[in-house]
């Protein structure tokens, strides 16, 4: 449980494991409902990065995304943990999401590249691809 009193629903880990091991979807959206983080949406396998970025809501969310890229002609993928906390969001919501992300991160830890995004420019494909190639 995070300092904010928010805990993570057990279904979050199951959805994450399914994405990680079975590649059941391209990404998962997590949101806070009451005092619980839940898996609120799954993106179908094959959803493009640009399509995902365009679909981001105006308020905060967490995402785990299977980011696909080419590295010297070889297709690769890395899992990203994205904290989407847009500058235009409500202050109370932004603070809740910022203070609660550890509750989710502790459940799904292991090998994720963490991305903090406050604007779509923070998610520019070339920027994320560069981080994915470096592994951090």
Protein backbone atom coordinates (compact mmCIF):
# COMPACT_ATOMS: atom_id res chain seq x y z
CA UNK A 1 0.00 0.00 0.00
CA UNK A 2 1.27 3.44 -0.94
CA UNK A 3 1.56 6.37 1.48
CA UNK A 4 -1.65 7.69 -0.10
CA UNK A 5 -3.61 4.66 1.16
CA UNK A 6 -4.03 3.31 -2.38
CA UNK A 7 -3.52 -0.43 -2.88
CA UNK A 8 -3.22 -2.55 -6.01
CA UNK A 9 -5.91 -5.02 -7.05
CA UNK A 10 -4.61 -8.60 -7.44
CA UNK A 11 -5.96 -8.69 -11.01
CA UNK A 12 -3.28 -6.14 -11.99
CA UNK A 13 -0.52 -8.69 -11.49
CA UNK A 14 -2.41 -11.38 -13.43
CA UNK A 15 -2.95 -9.02 -16.39
CA UNK A 16 0.69 -7.92 -16.29
CA UNK A 17 1.96 -11.53 -16.21
CA UNK A 18 -0.29 -12.41 -19.16
CA UNK A 19 1.16 -9.48 -21.15
CA UNK A 20 4.72 -10.30 -20.17
CA UNK A 21 4.70 -14.06 -20.70
CA UNK A 22 1.96 -14.71 -23.23
CA UNK A 23 1.88 -11.39 -25.10
CA UNK A 24 -1.90 -11.34 -24.83
CA UNK A 25 -2.16 -7.62 -25.62
CA UNK A 26 0.01 -4.65 -26.57
CA UNK A 27 -0.53 -2.71 -23.37
CA UNK A 28 -2.55 -2.26 -20.22
CA UNK A 29 -4.01 0.90 -18.71
CA UNK A 30 -4.24 1.12 -14.93
CA UNK A 31 -6.37 3.66 -13.11
CA UNK A 32 -7.26 4.46 -9.52
CA UNK A 33 -10.86 3.73 -8.57
CA UNK A 34 -11.61 4.78 -5.00
CA UNK A 35 -8.54 3.57 -3.13
CA UNK A 36 -7.59 0.73 -5.49
CA UNK A 37 -5.47 0.56 -8.63
CA UNK A 38 -7.27 -1.54 -11.24
CA UNK A 39 -6.50 -2.72 -14.77
CA UNK A 40 -9.03 -0.55 -16.60
CA UNK A 41 -8.24 -1.20 -20.27
CA UNK A 42 -6.27 -3.53 -22.54
CA UNK A 43 -4.92 -2.46 -25.91
CA UNK A 44 -5.21 -5.16 -28.59
CA UNK A 45 -2.04 -6.80 -29.87
CA UNK A 46 -0.66 -4.80 -32.80
CA UNK A 47 -1.82 -1.38 -31.58
CA UNK A 48 0.68 1.14 -32.93
CA UNK A 49 2.61 3.49 -30.62
CA UNK A 50 1.21 6.61 -32.35
CA UNK A 51 -2.34 5.29 -31.93
CA UNK A 52 -1.69 4.68 -28.22
CA UNK A 53 -0.27 8.19 -27.68
CA UNK A 54 -3.28 9.77 -29.45
CA UNK A 55 -5.65 7.85 -27.16
CA UNK A 56 -4.17 9.15 -23.88
CA UNK A 57 -6.77 10.72 -21.59
CA UNK A 58 -6.66 14.23 -20.14
CA UNK A 59 -6.12 12.89 -16.63
CA UNK A 60 -3.50 10.67 -14.99
CA UNK A 61 -3.06 6.93 -15.60
CA UNK A 62 -0.40 4.24 -15.47
CA UNK A 63 0.46 2.03 -18.44
CA UNK A 64 2.53 -1.04 -19.13
CA UNK A 65 3.35 -1.15 -22.84
CA UNK A 66 5.11 -3.75 -24.97
CA UNK A 67 7.19 -1.33 -27.07
CA UNK A 68 8.31 -2.76 -30.43
CA UNK A 69 11.33 -1.37 -32.29
CA UNK A 70 14.11 -2.32 -34.72
CA UNK A 71 17.74 -2.34 -33.61
CA UNK A 72 20.21 -2.80 -36.45
CA UNK A 73 17.65 -4.73 -38.50
CA UNK A 74 16.52 -6.95 -35.63
CA UNK A 75 12.97 -6.71 -34.25
CA UNK A 76 12.96 -6.27 -30.48
CA UNK A 77 10.59 -5.28 -27.73
CA UNK A 78 10.89 -3.85 -24.22
CA UNK A 79 8.28 -3.43 -21.54
CA UNK A 80 7.68 0.15 -20.45
CA UNK A 81 6.10 1.37 -17.22
CA UNK A 82 4.58 4.73 -18.10
CA UNK A 83 3.28 7.21 -15.56
CA UNK A 84 1.01 9.51 -17.56
CA UNK A 85 0.40 12.62 -15.45
CA UNK A 86 -0.44 15.48 -17.85
CA UNK A 87 0.29 19.06 -16.87
CA UNK A 88 -3.34 19.93 -17.68
CA UNK A 89 -4.70 17.44 -15.10
CA UNK A 90 -6.32 18.28 -11.78
CA UNK A 91 -3.76 18.93 -9.03
CA UNK A 92 -5.38 16.50 -6.56
CA UNK A 93 -5.44 13.70 -9.15
CA UNK A 94 -1.85 14.38 -10.18
CA UNK A 95 -0.70 14.18 -6.57
CA UNK A 96 -2.67 10.97 -5.97
CA UNK A 97 -1.13 9.24 -9.00
CA UNK A 98 2.39 10.50 -8.25
CA UNK A 99 2.16 9.27 -4.66
CA UNK A 100 0.56 5.92 -5.47
CA UNK A 101 2.65 4.53 -8.31
CA UNK A 102 4.86 2.48 -5.98
CA UNK A 103 1.87 0.34 -5.01
CA UNK A 104 1.63 -0.83 -8.64
CA UNK A 105 5.38 -0.90 -9.32
CA UNK A 106 5.98 -3.23 -6.37
CA UNK A 107 3.40 -5.68 -7.75
CA UNK A 108 4.79 -5.75 -11.28
CA UNK A 109 8.49 -5.16 -10.68
CA UNK A 110 11.20 -6.54 -12.90
CA UNK A 111 12.86 -5.33 -16.07
CA UNK A 112 10.57 -2.44 -16.91
CA UNK A 113 11.84 0.80 -18.39
CA UNK A 114 10.20 3.60 -16.42
CA UNK A 115 8.88 6.60 -18.34
CA UNK A 116 7.42 9.71 -16.71
CA UNK A 117 5.27 11.62 -19.18
CA UNK A 118 3.54 14.94 -18.57
CA UNK A 119 2.95 15.78 -22.22
CA UNK A 120 2.75 13.83 -25.50
CA UNK A 121 6.17 15.28 -26.42
CA UNK A 122 7.63 13.16 -23.60
CA UNK A 123 6.42 10.10 -25.54
CA UNK A 124 7.91 10.96 -28.92
CA UNK A 125 8.70 7.67 -30.66
CA UNK A 126 12.38 8.41 -31.32
CA UNK A 127 12.93 9.41 -27.69
CA UNK A 128 11.33 6.21 -26.34
CA UNK A 129 13.08 4.08 -28.95
CA UNK A 130 16.45 5.52 -27.86
CA UNK A 131 15.73 4.62 -24.25
CA UNK A 132 14.54 1.14 -25.22
CA UNK A 133 17.76 0.49 -27.16
CA UNK A 134 19.81 1.56 -24.14
CA UNK A 135 17.62 -0.48 -21.79
CA UNK A 136 16.73 2.32 -19.37
